[in-house]
Protein backbone atom coordinates (compact mmCIF):
# COMPACT_ATOMS: atom_id res chain seq x y z
CA MET A 1 6.44 -7.31 -10.69
CA THR A 2 3.24 -4.99 -11.32
CA SER A 3 2.29 -4.29 -15.31
CA SER A 4 2.32 -1.16 -16.60
CA MET A 5 -0.04 1.37 -14.67
CA LYS A 6 -2.34 4.77 -15.49
CA LEU A 7 -1.79 7.25 -13.11
CA LEU A 8 -3.02 10.59 -12.30
CA ILE A 9 -0.79 12.91 -10.56
CA VAL A 10 -2.99 16.16 -8.92
CA GLU A 11 -0.20 18.05 -7.41
CA ASP A 12 0.00 22.15 -7.67
CA ASP A 13 3.76 22.18 -7.56
CA ARG A 14 4.91 21.64 -11.36
CA GLU A 15 8.21 21.09 -10.37
CA ALA A 16 7.52 18.20 -8.42
CA ALA A 17 4.95 16.92 -10.90
CA ALA A 18 7.40 17.10 -13.50
CA TYR A 19 10.00 14.89 -11.30
CA MET A 20 6.87 12.57 -10.78
CA VAL A 21 6.04 11.67 -13.77
CA LYS A 22 9.30 11.64 -15.53
CA ALA A 23 10.37 8.60 -12.71
CA LEU A 24 6.99 7.02 -13.59
CA SER A 25 7.90 6.77 -16.96
CA GLU A 26 11.35 5.76 -16.89
CA ALA A 27 9.44 2.86 -14.75
CA GLY A 28 7.71 1.75 -17.37
CA HIS A 29 4.10 3.47 -16.24
CA VAL A 30 2.06 6.58 -17.91
CA ALA A 31 1.25 9.25 -15.69
CA ASP A 32 -0.80 12.57 -16.36
CA HIS A 33 -0.76 15.80 -14.43
CA ALA A 34 -3.61 17.95 -13.28
CA SER A 35 -2.40 21.34 -11.46
CA ASP A 36 -5.03 21.51 -9.17
CA GLY A 37 -8.16 19.82 -7.62
CA ALA A 38 -10.86 21.11 -9.64
CA GLU A 39 -8.80 19.82 -12.75
CA GLY A 40 -7.57 16.49 -11.19
CA TYR A 41 -11.81 16.44 -10.73
CA GLU A 42 -11.96 16.84 -14.08
CA PHE A 43 -9.32 14.24 -15.33
CA ALA A 44 -10.32 11.55 -12.44
CA THR A 45 -14.09 11.09 -13.70
CA SER A 46 -13.38 11.38 -17.27
CA GLY A 47 -10.52 8.92 -17.32
CA SER A 48 -10.16 5.45 -16.23
CA TYR A 49 -7.06 5.48 -14.05
CA ASP A 50 -4.91 2.50 -12.17
CA VAL A 51 -4.45 4.90 -8.77
CA LEU A 52 -4.37 8.49 -7.93
CA VAL A 53 -1.73 10.45 -6.08
CA VAL A 54 -3.05 13.25 -4.52
CA ASP A 55 -1.43 16.27 -2.39
CA ARG A 56 -3.55 17.43 -0.13
CA MET A 57 -2.98 21.36 -0.17
CA LEU A 58 -4.51 22.03 -3.87
CA PRO A 59 -5.52 25.63 -4.95
CA LYS A 60 -9.35 25.37 -6.35
CA LEU A 61 -10.56 21.97 -4.33
CA ASP A 62 -8.12 21.18 -1.73
CA GLY A 63 -7.40 17.33 -2.06
CA LEU A 64 -9.32 16.08 0.77
CA SER A 65 -12.68 17.37 -0.32
CA LEU A 66 -11.54 16.57 -3.88
CA ILE A 67 -11.72 12.64 -2.90
CA GLY A 68 -14.37 12.78 -0.59
CA ARG A 69 -16.17 13.77 -3.74
CA LEU A 70 -14.98 10.96 -6.18
CA ARG A 71 -15.85 8.78 -3.47
CA ALA A 72 -19.64 10.13 -2.74
CA GLU A 73 -19.83 9.61 -6.61
CA GLY A 74 -18.93 5.70 -6.09
CA ALA A 75 -15.52 6.05 -7.51
CA THR A 76 -13.57 3.35 -6.11
CA THR A 77 -9.72 3.90 -7.41
CA PRO A 78 -7.45 3.58 -5.41
CA VAL A 79 -5.51 6.69 -3.97
CA LEU A 80 -2.20 7.86 -2.24
CA ILE A 81 -2.51 10.56 -0.54
CA LEU A 82 0.58 12.67 -0.83
CA SER A 83 1.61 15.58 1.75
CA ALA A 84 3.47 17.42 3.47
CA LEU A 85 1.40 17.02 6.60
CA GLY A 86 2.80 14.23 8.51
CA HIS A 87 1.28 14.39 11.84
CA VAL A 88 -0.17 10.94 13.02
CA ASP A 89 -3.27 13.15 13.27
CA ASP A 90 -2.64 14.57 9.30
CA ARG A 91 -2.40 11.04 8.28
CA VAL A 92 -5.57 9.60 10.33
CA GLN A 93 -7.89 11.98 8.81
CA GLY A 94 -6.78 11.71 5.23
CA LEU A 95 -7.42 7.72 5.44
CA ARG A 96 -10.92 8.73 7.01
CA ALA A 97 -11.51 11.04 3.66
CA GLY A 98 -11.57 8.19 1.10
CA GLY A 99 -7.29 7.81 0.96
CA ASP A 100 -6.27 4.54 0.77
CA ASP A 101 -2.27 5.13 1.77
CA TYR A 102 -0.51 8.06 2.71
CA LEU A 103 2.73 9.48 2.37
CA THR A 104 4.99 12.54 3.90
CA LYS A 105 6.96 15.11 1.91
CA PRO A 106 9.82 14.92 1.40
CA TYR A 107 9.58 10.92 0.10
CA ALA A 108 12.20 8.46 -1.59
CA PHE A 109 10.73 7.45 -5.69
CA ALA A 110 10.81 4.03 -4.13
CA GLU A 111 8.66 4.30 -1.67
CA LEU A 112 6.19 5.64 -3.84
CA LEU A 113 6.37 3.13 -6.59
CA ALA A 114 6.12 0.51 -4.29
CA ARG A 115 3.16 1.88 -2.55
CA VAL A 116 1.18 2.76 -5.90
CA GLU A 117 2.33 -0.64 -7.20
CA THR A 118 0.40 -1.92 -3.78
CA LEU A 119 -2.82 -0.35 -4.53
CA ALA A 120 -2.84 -1.43 -8.13
CA ARG A 121 -2.83 -4.92 -7.26
CA ARG A 122 -4.93 -4.03 -4.62
CA GLY A 123 -7.45 -2.39 -6.91
CA GLN A 124 -7.22 -5.24 -9.85
CA ALA A 125 -7.72 -8.09 -7.07
CA SER A 126 -11.00 -10.01 -7.63
CA ALA A 127 -13.40 -8.55 -4.78
CA GLY A 128 -14.06 -12.34 -3.94
CA GLU A 129 -10.94 -13.21 -3.60
CA THR A 130 -10.81 -14.76 0.19
CA VAL A 131 -7.91 -17.09 -0.15
CA TYR A 132 -3.99 -16.36 -0.91
CA ARG A 133 -1.15 -18.71 -1.32
CA VAL A 134 2.49 -18.65 -1.52
CA ALA A 135 4.57 -22.18 -2.01
CA ASP A 136 2.41 -24.31 0.33
CA LEU A 137 1.70 -21.56 2.91
CA GLU A 138 -2.05 -20.38 2.62
CA ILE A 139 -4.57 -18.45 4.60
CA ASP A 140 -8.26 -18.33 3.98
CA ARG A 141 -9.68 -14.41 4.89
CA LEU A 142 -13.34 -15.52 6.07
CA SER A 143 -12.36 -18.66 7.85
CA HIS A 144 -9.16 -16.91 9.22
CA SER A 145 -7.34 -20.24 9.20
CA CYS A 146 -3.42 -20.76 8.12
CA SER A 147 -1.71 -23.67 7.65
CA ARG A 148 1.40 -24.76 5.54
CA ALA A 149 1.75 -28.21 3.79
CA GLY A 150 -1.41 -28.88 5.33
CA GLN A 151 -0.49 -28.51 8.85
CA GLU A 152 -2.95 -25.89 10.40
CA ILE A 153 -1.37 -22.65 11.80
CA VAL A 154 -2.57 -20.70 14.56
CA LEU A 155 -2.59 -17.19 14.60
CA GLN A 156 -3.16 -14.36 17.28
CA PRO A 157 -5.69 -11.70 15.03
CA ARG A 158 -2.28 -9.26 14.87
CA GLU A 159 -0.36 -12.06 13.28
CA PHE A 160 -2.94 -13.01 10.81
CA ARG A 161 -3.65 -9.20 9.50
CA LEU A 162 0.07 -8.67 9.26
CA LEU A 163 0.66 -12.10 7.40
CA GLU A 164 -2.55 -11.18 5.10
CA TYR A 165 -0.82 -7.58 4.23
CA LEU A 166 2.30 -9.68 3.51
CA MET A 167 0.39 -12.25 1.32
CA ARG A 168 -1.62 -10.06 -0.82
CA ASN A 169 2.02 -7.84 -1.70
CA ALA A 170 4.06 -11.34 -2.03
CA GLY A 171 6.85 -10.93 -3.56
CA GLN A 172 6.89 -7.28 -3.35
CA VAL A 173 9.17 -5.54 -0.36
CA VAL A 174 6.97 -3.85 2.13
CA THR A 175 8.35 -1.13 4.33
CA ARG A 176 7.91 -0.81 8.16
CA THR A 177 5.85 2.26 7.66
CA MET A 178 3.89 0.26 5.26
CA LEU A 179 3.34 -2.30 8.25
CA LEU A 180 2.99 0.66 10.74
CA GLU A 181 -0.19 2.23 8.55
CA ASN A 182 -2.10 -1.14 6.92
CA VAL A 183 -1.47 -3.58 9.99
CA TRP A 184 -0.96 -1.52 12.94
CA ASP A 185 -3.49 1.69 12.06
CA TYR A 186 -0.76 4.22 13.80
CA HIS A 187 -1.80 2.83 16.98
CA PHE A 188 1.83 2.73 18.93
CA ASP A 189 4.90 4.86 19.05
CA PRO A 190 6.45 3.93 15.56
CA GLN A 191 10.12 3.66 17.51
CA THR A 192 8.80 0.65 19.52
CA ASN A 193 10.43 -2.59 18.08
CA VAL A 194 6.77 -3.80 18.18
CA ILE A 195 6.96 -5.17 14.65
CA ASP A 196 10.01 -6.72 14.90
CA VAL A 197 8.62 -8.89 17.90
CA HIS A 198 5.61 -9.87 16.06
CA VAL A 199 7.57 -10.53 12.82
CA SER A 200 9.35 -12.47 14.54
CA ARG A 201 7.01 -14.50 15.96
CA LEU A 202 4.97 -14.80 12.75
CA ARG A 203 8.48 -16.50 11.41
CA SER A 204 8.64 -19.01 13.87
CA LYS A 205 5.15 -20.34 13.49
CA ILE A 206 5.22 -20.48 9.44
CA ASP A 207 9.13 -21.39 8.84
CA LYS A 208 10.05 -23.20 11.48
CA GLY A 209 10.01 -26.93 10.80
CA PHE A 210 9.72 -26.55 7.42
CA ASP A 211 12.46 -27.39 4.85
CA LYS A 212 12.37 -23.40 2.79
CA PRO A 213 12.16 -20.04 4.81
CA LEU A 214 9.50 -17.85 3.11
CA LEU A 215 9.31 -14.63 5.46
CA HIS A 216 11.99 -12.41 4.48
CA THR A 217 13.92 -9.52 6.21
CA VAL A 218 15.56 -7.38 3.52
CA ARG A 219 17.99 -5.35 5.57
CA GLY A 220 17.41 -1.44 5.39
CA ALA A 221 14.26 -2.14 3.64
CA GLY A 222 11.58 -4.42 5.43
CA TYR A 223 9.79 -7.50 4.92
CA LEU A 224 8.46 -10.00 1.96
CA ILE A 225 7.02 -13.02 1.64
CA ARG A 226 7.87 -15.08 -1.21
CA ASP A 227 8.82 -18.48 -2.44
CA GLY A 228 12.17 -18.88 -1.81
CA ALA A 229 15.21 -17.98 -0.17
CA ARG A 230 16.38 -14.56 -1.44
């Protein structure tokens, strides 16, 4: 479970912002609120935050310009873009502007929370971390190697990227949308079953023949890697 986070919400809809601040507080986190892009910039540059949640359509300074300015000044704080603009081109534009993740409105708070927790863990991870382990499963990002109980497992590039994302978020449910955005970069129709196919292939490689399954399907929610049955 992610420890308490400090977040900045940059949102001009005060009711929506108040809801987020209250819900995050109930989840054990602290959230500041900025009501426009200029104020968001002042908060972001004067405080220390684990994650920024930024709306795109903001007065004074729009969300993408805010993110671009922060990135140009060397800020590396993870940013979740939260916007009603939900077309693929909008999302790609947001990620290319410096956003780390993109969630469209309306949204489920549980997913927003999962995403900011994921970004916070990513931001806290050591830049030099190259090896991930869950139980006896291990991957090395530098050598692109994978093994379980000392046995080498050969993965295709997309399978490796999928497993790396799951292991980076070990113990946490990742949704299909999160996989679509972080592993496939929107390069296919989200209505296809490509995620299911790749998860099935990955499961057959890392779990088949071993005593304990590590890759689990959480029906109606997504997938997770964890040590032991769910």
